[in-house]
Amino acid sequence: MKKKLLIIPPILIGVAVLAFMIGGWSAPERKPPQERPRAVRTITADQVMLVPRVTGYGSVYPGTVWSAIAQVAGEVVYVHPGLKKGAILPAGTEILRISPVDFELAVAQATANIRSAEAKLVELKVTETNTTDLLEIERRGLKLREADVKRKKALLGRGTVAKTSYETAQRDTLSQLKLVQDLKNKIRLLPTQRAVQQEQIAVYRAQHDSAKLDLSRTHIILPFEARIGVVSVEVEQFAQLGGTLVTADSLDVAEVEAQIPISQFRAMIHASADGQVPVGVAAANLSRIVKTIGFEATVRLRAADETVEWPARFARISDAVDPKTRTIGAIVTVEGAYAKAQPGQRPPLAKGMFVEIEIRTRAKAGQIVVPRSALHDGNVYILDSDSRLALRPVTVGLVQGDIAVIDVGITSGETIVVSDLVPAVAGMLLMPQPDEQLRDRLRAEAKGGVAAK
């Protein structure tokens, strides 16, 4: 019993100590929750110089493709030794020759026909002279016979001449009259015969010219400096009339047709024209559009780490729109596609190359540009005066490369958030970190160059 009572004092002491400790402690101090800002990259919206442009890709093809089509048939007797696929030959080179023998004979025959017809014409002139002289003689004979008839008629009335003699004189007079009339008719036909003969001479001369033309067509001459494409004939082969013997490509001008999205091309024109584009499609209007907007173009060939450029001229728009890709063909021309080529350093702008073309218009000042990545479903993230996020709806104009032009919604001097915030909550606190390199790249790209990264 006594042992059980001994445990009570320690319990009471512990309870007293616990009560003392609880009574001496105070409740912990509560601090209000603090908002932690999120670090983001920003740029300042500045007015920059913008060169509206679009890019597209396409293949190079020669400005002129010449086909040597056989205009006469015959055996090929000569082929230029350099007439090989890919060879470059100067203008005026005789590349093929068809046997001229048949055509030389045709020229000789036509020449002989002309001489024969001309001789016939001279003969008609002599005939006319002779017939005229003969007619004069026969007319005199007719007068004598008419006088004889008159004399015999008088004698017949006095009974001194037989009636048969008078009738014979009449028959002789009629015969002489017919002879005179025949000569007159012959003379009347001579002008018609001369006209027929002259027309025959014209026919023979046309045959002669045709034969000479065919003879000249046996020599096939290269009309300009060209690169040979397809050769489909050899010596001793027979060239069929109308058959294609050789194709060649011009070297002076190359063309590139690049497919460009219609929306981008339209936006570029809208950004450049300022409402000065004439209404309607006509030759005069298209010329005014090109002059007003001031198109410029560059062709680029990207090979590994090297880029080769050629200045180009905007030529025209293709005749149709691709319904699948919704693109339009823009055609540019490059003068001197081979002139500036340097073997091993700068290639020529050869047929079939897949290249990039850039079409530019006149520069415009006072444009606000942002990275395309800064657009979020029609909004741009803005840093307000309290360093908080604001979602600003904007109207986007031209979009080219990695930049977008803001037409409405942002003013110069505002701070644009270029980081991709997930989630993006309006009013969230941000810690801006200006990205000067990105701003410089945007300025350079807007002007048409590329800033160092």
Protein backbone atom coordinates (compact mmCIF):
# COMPACT_ATOMS: atom_id res chain seq x y z
CA MET A 1 0.00 0.00 0.00
CA LYS A 2 2.78 2.35 0.90
CA LYS A 3 4.56 1.61 -2.38
CA LYS A 4 1.50 2.65 -4.36
CA LEU A 5 1.32 5.93 -2.51
CA LEU A 6 4.95 6.73 -3.36
CA ILE A 7 4.19 7.13 -7.14
CA ILE A 8 1.72 10.01 -6.59
CA PRO A 9 4.25 12.78 -5.78
CA PRO A 10 6.19 12.40 -9.08
CA ILE A 11 2.95 12.54 -11.06
CA LEU A 12 1.87 15.72 -9.33
CA ILE A 13 5.25 17.30 -9.92
CA GLY A 14 5.07 16.46 -13.69
CA VAL A 15 1.59 17.94 -13.97
CA ALA A 16 2.75 21.11 -12.23
CA VAL A 17 5.77 21.49 -14.57
CA LEU A 18 3.57 20.94 -17.65
CA ALA A 19 1.07 23.53 -16.42
CA PHE A 20 3.89 26.02 -15.89
CA MET A 21 5.30 25.50 -19.36
CA ILE A 22 1.91 25.85 -21.06
CA GLY A 23 1.17 28.99 -19.14
CA GLY A 24 4.52 30.62 -20.11
CA TRP A 25 4.36 30.00 -23.95
CA SER A 26 2.69 32.36 -26.42
CA ALA A 27 1.08 31.47 -29.85
CA PRO A 28 3.41 31.60 -32.97
CA GLU A 29 3.33 34.87 -35.02
CA ARG A 30 1.41 34.61 -38.33
CA LYS A 31 2.89 36.38 -41.45
CA PRO A 32 0.74 37.33 -44.48
CA PRO A 33 1.47 35.28 -47.69
CA GLN A 34 3.91 36.97 -50.14
CA GLU A 35 3.51 36.86 -54.04
CA ARG A 36 6.59 35.61 -55.82
CA PRO A 37 7.24 37.31 -59.22
CA ARG A 38 7.95 35.18 -62.28
CA ALA A 39 10.99 36.04 -64.40
CA VAL A 40 10.17 36.71 -68.08
CA ARG A 41 12.06 38.00 -71.12
CA THR A 42 10.80 41.28 -72.51
CA ILE A 43 11.42 43.72 -75.34
CA THR A 44 10.37 47.32 -75.82
CA ALA A 45 7.97 48.03 -78.67
CA ASP A 46 9.90 50.39 -80.96
CA GLN A 47 9.03 51.85 -84.32
CA VAL A 48 11.36 50.29 -86.87
CA MET A 49 12.03 50.43 -90.60
CA LEU A 50 10.24 47.53 -92.31
CA VAL A 51 10.92 46.06 -95.74
CA PRO A 52 7.81 44.01 -96.67
CA ARG A 53 8.84 40.77 -98.31
CA VAL A 54 7.78 37.22 -98.98
CA THR A 55 9.80 34.14 -99.79
CA GLY A 56 9.08 31.07 -101.83
CA TYR A 57 10.83 28.16 -103.48
CA GLY A 58 10.92 26.94 -107.01
CA SER A 59 13.04 25.49 -109.79
CA VAL A 60 15.09 27.35 -112.37
CA TYR A 61 14.20 27.08 -116.04
CA PRO A 62 15.71 28.92 -119.02
CA GLY A 63 14.10 32.06 -120.31
CA THR A 64 14.09 30.62 -123.85
CA VAL A 65 13.97 26.97 -124.89
CA TRP A 66 14.81 26.51 -128.58
CA SER A 67 13.91 23.38 -130.51
CA ALA A 68 15.54 22.48 -133.82
CA ILE A 69 12.61 21.04 -135.78
CA ALA A 70 13.26 19.58 -139.21
CA GLN A 71 11.51 21.83 -141.74
CA VAL A 72 12.62 19.58 -144.60
CA ALA A 73 13.06 15.84 -144.78
CA GLY A 74 16.31 14.20 -145.75
CA GLU A 75 19.44 12.38 -144.71
CA VAL A 76 21.60 14.04 -142.05
CA VAL A 77 25.08 14.47 -143.54
CA TYR A 78 26.74 16.58 -140.82
CA VAL A 79 26.55 16.85 -137.03
CA HIS A 80 28.72 19.34 -135.15
CA PRO A 81 31.32 17.45 -133.09
CA GLY A 82 30.44 19.48 -129.99
CA LEU A 83 26.73 18.77 -130.22
CA LYS A 84 26.46 16.86 -126.96
CA LYS A 85 24.09 17.11 -124.04
CA GLY A 86 25.26 19.83 -121.65
CA ALA A 87 27.69 21.42 -124.14
CA ILE A 88 27.69 25.21 -124.58
CA LEU A 89 27.93 26.43 -128.17
CA PRO A 90 28.13 30.02 -129.46
CA ALA A 91 25.48 31.75 -131.54
CA GLY A 92 25.69 31.13 -135.28
CA THR A 93 27.10 27.61 -134.98
CA GLU A 94 25.94 25.18 -137.66
CA ILE A 95 24.95 22.19 -135.58
CA LEU A 96 23.28 20.02 -138.25
CA ARG A 97 23.13 19.71 -142.02
CA ILE A 98 20.61 17.76 -144.07
CA SER A 99 21.57 16.55 -147.55
CA PRO A 100 20.95 19.50 -149.94
CA VAL A 101 21.02 17.52 -153.23
CA ASP A 102 17.27 17.25 -153.76
CA PHE A 103 16.75 20.90 -152.97
CA GLU A 104 19.58 22.05 -155.23
CA LEU A 105 17.89 20.14 -158.07
CA ALA A 106 14.59 21.80 -157.23
CA VAL A 107 16.27 25.21 -157.40
CA ALA A 108 17.81 24.38 -160.77
CA GLN A 109 14.49 23.14 -162.16
CA ALA A 110 12.66 26.24 -160.94
CA THR A 111 15.36 28.43 -162.50
CA ALA A 112 15.00 26.63 -165.84
CA ASN A 113 11.21 27.01 -165.71
CA ILE A 114 11.56 30.74 -165.15
CA ARG A 115 13.92 31.12 -168.11
CA SER A 116 11.59 29.09 -170.32
CA ALA A 117 8.57 31.16 -169.33
CA GLU A 118 10.44 34.40 -169.88
CA ALA A 119 11.49 33.20 -173.33
CA LYS A 120 7.86 32.40 -174.07
CA LEU A 121 6.94 35.94 -173.05
CA VAL A 122 9.51 37.33 -175.48
CA GLU A 123 8.10 35.04 -178.16
CA LEU A 124 4.63 36.49 -177.58
CA LYS A 125 6.05 39.97 -178.06
CA VAL A 126 7.61 38.98 -181.39
CA THR A 127 4.38 37.23 -182.40
CA GLU A 128 2.43 40.38 -181.70
CA THR A 129 4.76 42.43 -183.90
CA ASN A 130 4.63 39.91 -186.75
CA THR A 131 0.86 39.55 -186.56
CA THR A 132 0.38 43.30 -186.60
CA ASP A 133 2.52 43.60 -189.73
CA LEU A 134 0.68 40.71 -191.39
CA LEU A 135 -2.67 42.28 -190.51
CA GLU A 136 -1.66 45.46 -192.28
CA ILE A 137 -0.78 43.50 -195.42
CA GLU A 138 -4.02 41.54 -195.36
CA ARG A 139 -6.02 44.73 -194.92
CA ARG A 140 -4.47 46.07 -198.11
CA GLY A 141 -5.37 42.83 -199.89
CA LEU A 142 -8.93 43.20 -198.58
CA LYS A 143 -9.19 46.67 -200.05
CA LEU A 144 -8.02 45.39 -203.45
CA ARG A 145 -10.57 42.59 -203.46
CA GLU A 146 -13.35 44.93 -202.39
CA ALA A 147 -12.42 47.21 -205.31
CA ASP A 148 -12.40 44.22 -207.64
CA VAL A 149 -15.92 43.22 -206.52
CA LYS A 150 -17.16 46.72 -207.07
CA ARG A 151 -15.63 46.84 -210.56
CA LYS A 152 -17.09 43.47 -211.58
CA LYS A 153 -20.47 44.43 -210.26
CA ALA A 154 -20.47 47.43 -212.60
CA LEU A 155 -19.36 45.31 -215.52
CA LEU A 156 -22.03 42.75 -214.69
CA GLY A 157 -24.63 45.49 -214.98
CA ARG A 158 -23.44 46.31 -218.51
CA GLY A 159 -23.33 42.61 -219.37
CA THR A 160 -19.60 42.45 -220.07
CA VAL A 161 -18.71 40.07 -217.16
CA ALA A 162 -20.18 36.74 -216.34
CA LYS A 163 -22.14 36.38 -213.15
CA THR A 164 -19.86 33.56 -211.94
CA SER A 165 -16.86 35.86 -212.13
CA TYR A 166 -18.65 38.38 -209.96
CA GLU A 167 -19.60 35.69 -207.41
CA THR A 168 -16.03 34.38 -207.34
CA ALA A 169 -14.77 37.87 -206.58
CA GLN A 170 -17.29 38.10 -203.72
CA ARG A 171 -16.16 34.75 -202.25
CA ASP A 172 -12.52 35.83 -202.45
CA THR A 173 -13.38 39.09 -200.68
CA LEU A 174 -15.18 37.24 -197.88
CA SER A 175 -12.22 34.89 -197.46
CA GLN A 176 -9.88 37.86 -197.25
CA LEU A 177 -12.17 39.52 -194.70
CA LYS A 178 -12.15 36.35 -192.56
CA LEU A 179 -8.36 36.28 -192.70
CA VAL A 180 -8.19 39.90 -191.52
CA GLN A 181 -10.67 39.15 -188.71
CA ASP A 182 -8.67 36.10 -187.58
CA LEU A 183 -5.54 38.22 -187.34
CA LYS A 184 -7.42 40.82 -185.31
CA ASN A 185 -8.70 38.12 -182.93
CA LYS A 186 -5.18 36.75 -182.56
CA ILE A 187 -3.87 40.19 -181.64
CA ARG A 188 -6.69 40.65 -179.12
CA LEU A 189 -5.71 37.37 -177.39
CA LEU A 190 -2.05 38.30 -177.06
CA PRO A 191 -2.46 40.53 -173.92
CA THR A 192 -4.28 37.71 -172.18
CA GLN A 193 -1.59 35.24 -173.17
CA ARG A 194 1.08 37.62 -171.88
CA ALA A 195 -0.78 37.97 -168.57
CA VAL A 196 -1.06 34.18 -168.25
CA GLN A 197 2.62 33.82 -169.02
CA GLN A 198 3.54 36.47 -166.48
CA GLU A 199 1.50 34.66 -163.85
CA GLN A 200 3.25 31.45 -164.80
CA ILE A 201 6.58 33.19 -164.32
CA ALA A 202 5.38 34.34 -160.87
CA VAL A 203 4.50 30.71 -160.03
CA TYR A 204 7.91 29.51 -161.16
CA ARG A 205 9.62 32.25 -159.17
CA ALA A 206 7.63 31.26 -156.08
CA GLN A 207 8.70 27.66 -156.64
CA HIS A 208 12.28 28.90 -157.01
CA ASP A 209 12.08 30.88 -153.76
CA SER A 210 10.47 27.92 -151.99
CA ALA A 211 13.21 25.63 -153.26
CA LYS A 212 15.89 28.09 -152.10
CA LEU A 213 14.17 28.37 -148.71
CA ASP A 214 14.11 24.59 -148.37
CA LEU A 215 17.77 24.54 -149.37
CA SER A 216 18.61 27.04 -146.65
CA ARG A 217 16.69 24.93 -144.15
CA THR A 218 19.11 22.08 -144.69
CA HIS A 219 21.57 24.11 -142.61
CA ILE A 220 20.44 24.25 -138.96
CA ILE A 221 22.09 27.18 -137.18
CA LEU A 222 22.07 27.90 -133.45
CA PRO A 223 20.31 31.30 -133.11
CA PHE A 224 21.93 32.28 -129.80
CA GLU A 225 24.54 31.07 -127.35
CA ALA A 226 22.96 28.08 -125.72
CA ARG A 227 23.44 24.98 -123.64
CA ILE A 228 22.49 21.83 -125.50
CA GLY A 229 19.73 19.76 -123.96
CA VAL A 230 18.48 16.77 -125.93
CA VAL A 231 20.14 15.50 -129.13
CA SER A 232 18.05 12.93 -131.00
CA VAL A 233 19.83 12.57 -134.36
CA GLU A 234 23.10 11.23 -135.76
CA VAL A 235 24.92 11.28 -139.09
CA GLU A 236 23.30 9.16 -141.85
CA GLN A 237 19.96 9.09 -140.05
CA PHE A 238 16.87 10.27 -141.92
CA ALA A 239 15.30 13.41 -140.52
CA GLN A 240 11.53 13.31 -140.74
CA LEU A 241 9.67 16.49 -141.60
CA GLY A 242 8.49 18.08 -138.34
CA GLY A 243 10.70 15.92 -136.13
CA THR A 244 12.54 17.51 -133.19
CA LEU A 245 16.27 17.03 -133.67
CA VAL A 246 17.84 19.13 -130.88
CA THR A 247 16.68 21.22 -127.93
CA ALA A 248 18.81 23.98 -126.42
CA ASP A 249 18.44 26.45 -123.55
CA SER A 250 19.39 30.11 -123.61
CA LEU A 251 22.11 31.29 -121.23
CA ASP A 252 21.35 34.99 -121.02
CA VAL A 253 18.16 34.86 -118.94
CA ALA A 254 16.86 32.38 -116.39
CA GLU A 255 13.42 32.32 -114.80
CA VAL A 256 12.20 30.98 -111.47
CA GLU A 257 8.58 30.39 -110.55
CA ALA A 258 8.16 30.16 -106.79
CA GLN A 259 4.96 29.23 -105.02
CA ILE A 260 3.95 31.85 -102.42
CA PRO A 261 0.92 31.69 -100.11
CA ILE A 262 -1.77 34.02 -101.38
CA SER A 263 -2.36 35.48 -97.92
CA GLN A 264 1.30 36.46 -97.54
CA PHE A 265 1.51 37.98 -101.00
CA ARG A 266 -1.68 39.94 -100.45
CA ALA A 267 -0.48 41.14 -97.04
CA MET A 268 2.81 42.32 -98.56
CA ILE A 269 1.00 44.32 -101.25
CA HIS A 270 -1.42 45.72 -98.66
CA ALA A 271 1.49 46.76 -96.43
CA SER A 272 3.27 48.45 -99.33
CA ALA A 273 0.55 50.00 -101.46
CA ASP A 274 -1.20 52.28 -98.91
CA GLY A 275 -4.38 52.11 -100.97
CA GLN A 276 -2.69 53.22 -104.20
CA VAL A 277 -3.30 49.99 -106.12
CA PRO A 278 -5.56 50.59 -109.16
CA VAL A 279 -8.78 48.65 -109.57
CA GLY A 280 -9.05 46.00 -112.28
CA VAL A 281 -6.63 43.66 -114.01
CA ALA A 282 -5.16 44.94 -117.26
CA ALA A 283 -1.74 45.36 -118.78
CA ALA A 284 -1.62 49.05 -117.87
CA ASN A 285 -2.82 48.39 -114.31
CA LEU A 286 -0.29 45.62 -113.72
CA SER A 287 2.50 47.92 -114.89
CA ARG A 288 1.28 50.62 -112.53
CA ILE A 289 1.11 48.16 -109.64
CA VAL A 290 4.70 47.06 -110.18
CA LYS A 291 5.84 50.68 -110.49
CA THR A 292 3.84 51.87 -107.48
CA ILE A 293 4.88 49.09 -105.13
CA GLY A 294 8.46 48.90 -106.38
CA PHE A 295 9.09 45.15 -106.49
CA GLU A 296 12.64 43.88 -106.06
CA ALA A 297 13.75 40.27 -105.97
CA THR A 298 16.70 38.08 -105.04
CA VAL A 299 17.37 34.46 -105.93
CA ARG A 300 19.31 32.38 -103.41
CA LEU A 301 20.93 28.99 -103.64
CA ARG A 302 21.68 27.47 -100.25
CA ALA A 303 24.28 24.72 -100.36
CA ALA A 304 25.64 23.41 -97.07
CA ASP A 305 27.13 26.43 -95.27
CA GLU A 306 27.32 28.59 -98.39
CA THR A 307 24.67 30.86 -99.87
CA VAL A 308 24.92 32.21 -103.42
CA GLU A 309 22.70 35.11 -104.48
CA TRP A 310 21.63 36.58 -107.82
CA PRO A 311 19.81 39.90 -108.21
CA ALA A 312 16.53 39.33 -110.00
CA ARG A 313 13.64 41.24 -111.52
CA PHE A 314 10.01 40.62 -110.67
CA ALA A 315 8.46 39.61 -114.00
CA ARG A 316 4.87 38.52 -113.55
CA ILE A 317 2.35 36.39 -111.69
CA SER A 318 1.48 32.92 -112.91
CA ASP A 319 -1.82 32.36 -114.69
CA ALA A 320 -3.38 30.07 -112.08
CA VAL A 321 -3.69 29.48 -108.35
CA ASP A 322 -2.84 26.08 -106.89
CA PRO A 323 -6.15 25.00 -105.31
CA LYS A 324 -4.49 22.45 -103.03
CA THR A 325 -1.83 24.64 -101.42
CA ARG A 326 -3.58 27.99 -101.95
CA THR A 327 -0.42 29.43 -103.38
CA ILE A 328 0.26 31.63 -106.37
CA GLY A 329 3.24 31.43 -108.68
CA ALA A 330 5.52 34.49 -108.67
CA ILE A 331 7.95 34.54 -111.60
CA VAL A 332 11.26 36.39 -111.46
CA THR A 333 13.97 36.67 -114.10
CA VAL A 334 17.74 36.71 -113.66
CA GLU A 335 19.90 38.39 -116.27
CA GLY A 336 23.28 36.84 -117.01
CA ALA A 337 22.55 33.51 -115.37
CA TYR A 338 25.89 32.15 -116.62
CA ALA A 339 27.85 35.39 -117.04
CA LYS A 340 29.09 35.65 -113.44
CA ALA A 341 29.76 31.96 -112.88
CA GLN A 342 33.18 31.06 -111.48
CA PRO A 343 34.15 27.38 -111.66
CA GLY A 344 34.63 25.99 -108.17
CA GLN A 345 33.40 29.16 -106.49
CA ARG A 346 30.15 30.43 -107.95
CA PRO A 347 27.95 28.05 -109.95
CA PRO A 348 25.80 29.19 -112.87
CA LEU A 349 22.07 29.44 -112.35
CA ALA A 350 21.42 26.22 -114.23
CA LYS A 351 18.17 24.60 -115.26
CA GLY A 352 16.56 22.47 -112.57
CA MET A 353 18.22 24.12 -109.55
CA PHE A 354 15.88 24.34 -106.56
CA VAL A 355 16.29 27.85 -105.19
CA GLU A 356 14.68 30.35 -102.87
CA ILE A 357 13.37 33.66 -104.09
CA GLU A 358 12.69 36.71 -101.97
CA ILE A 359 10.40 39.45 -103.25
CA ARG A 360 10.67 42.83 -101.54
CA THR A 361 8.88 46.16 -101.75
CA ARG A 362 9.83 49.67 -100.68
CA ALA A 363 10.77 50.16 -96.99
CA LYS A 364 8.20 51.62 -94.62
CA ALA A 365 9.07 53.55 -91.46
CA GLY A 366 7.28 53.59 -88.11
CA GLN A 367 6.29 49.91 -87.96
CA ILE A 368 5.99 47.92 -84.73
CA VAL A 369 7.16 44.33 -85.04
CA VAL A 370 7.10 41.43 -82.57
CA PRO A 371 8.32 37.83 -82.77
CA ARG A 372 5.72 35.48 -84.20
CA SER A 373 6.08 33.44 -81.02
CA ALA A 374 4.77 36.44 -79.05
CA LEU A 375 1.32 36.03 -80.61
CA HIS A 376 -1.12 33.98 -78.55
CA ASP A 377 -4.54 33.46 -80.17
CA GLY A 378 -4.79 37.09 -81.28
CA ASN A 379 -3.28 38.46 -78.06
CA VAL A 380 0.11 39.79 -77.05
CA TYR A 381 1.39 39.67 -73.47
CA ILE A 382 2.04 43.19 -72.15
CA LEU A 383 3.80 44.22 -68.94
CA ASP A 384 1.76 46.99 -67.30
CA SER A 385 3.06 49.77 -65.08
CA ASP A 386 2.76 47.53 -61.98
CA SER A 387 4.86 44.80 -63.59
CA ARG A 388 1.80 42.66 -64.01
CA LEU A 389 0.66 40.66 -67.01
CA ALA A 390 -1.98 42.08 -69.35
CA LEU A 391 -3.44 40.19 -72.34
CA ARG A 392 -3.76 42.72 -75.15
CA PRO A 393 -5.81 41.86 -78.27
CA VAL A 394 -4.03 43.04 -81.43
CA THR A 395 -4.58 43.25 -85.17
CA VAL A 396 -1.76 41.61 -87.09
CA GLY A 397 -0.77 42.84 -90.54
CA LEU A 398 2.13 41.40 -92.49
CA VAL A 399 3.72 38.21 -91.18
CA GLN A 400 7.12 37.38 -92.66
CA GLY A 401 9.82 35.07 -91.44
CA ASP A 402 9.93 35.12 -87.64
CA ILE A 403 8.32 38.52 -87.23
CA ALA A 404 4.79 39.89 -87.28
CA VAL A 405 3.75 43.48 -87.86
CA ILE A 406 1.22 44.86 -85.37
CA ASP A 407 -1.23 47.21 -87.08
CA VAL A 408 -3.48 47.94 -84.09
CA GLY A 409 -3.16 47.22 -80.37
CA ILE A 410 0.35 48.21 -79.32
CA THR A 411 1.92 51.65 -79.07
CA SER A 412 5.58 52.53 -79.15
CA GLY A 413 7.33 52.25 -75.77
CA GLU A 414 5.18 49.48 -74.30
CA THR A 415 6.91 46.42 -72.84
CA ILE A 416 6.13 43.15 -74.57
CA VAL A 417 6.56 39.79 -72.89
CA VAL A 418 8.23 37.34 -75.26
CA SER A 419 8.43 34.36 -72.88
CA ASP A 420 5.84 31.63 -73.28
CA LEU A 421 3.90 31.69 -70.01
CA VAL A 422 2.05 28.55 -69.00
CA PRO A 423 -0.37 29.29 -67.53
CA ALA A 424 -0.77 32.93 -68.55
CA VAL A 425 -2.98 34.56 -65.92
CA ALA A 426 -3.88 38.21 -66.34
CA GLY A 427 -2.57 40.26 -63.42
CA MET A 428 0.19 37.83 -62.40
CA LEU A 429 3.35 39.52 -61.11
CA LEU A 430 6.33 39.39 -63.44
CA MET A 431 10.04 40.14 -63.21
CA PRO A 432 11.11 41.63 -66.57
CA GLN A 433 14.47 40.72 -68.06
CA PRO A 434 15.08 42.77 -71.26
CA ASP A 435 16.31 40.68 -74.19
CA GLU A 436 18.45 43.13 -76.16
CA GLN A 437 19.74 40.51 -78.59
CA LEU A 438 16.21 39.56 -79.63
CA ARG A 439 15.31 43.21 -80.14
CA ASP A 440 18.37 43.69 -82.39
CA ARG A 441 17.49 40.59 -84.39
CA LEU A 442 13.95 41.86 -84.91
CA ARG A 443 15.24 45.22 -86.14
CA ALA A 444 17.67 43.54 -88.53
CA GLU A 445 15.10 41.10 -89.87
CA ALA A 446 12.58 43.87 -90.39
CA LYS A 447 15.10 45.71 -92.57
CA GLY A 448 15.81 42.58 -94.55
CA GLY A 449 19.07 41.49 -92.89
CA VAL A 450 19.99 39.01 -90.17
CA ALA A 451 21.56 40.12 -86.88
CA ALA A 452 24.26 38.11 -85.21
CA LYS A 453 22.92 35.67 -82.68
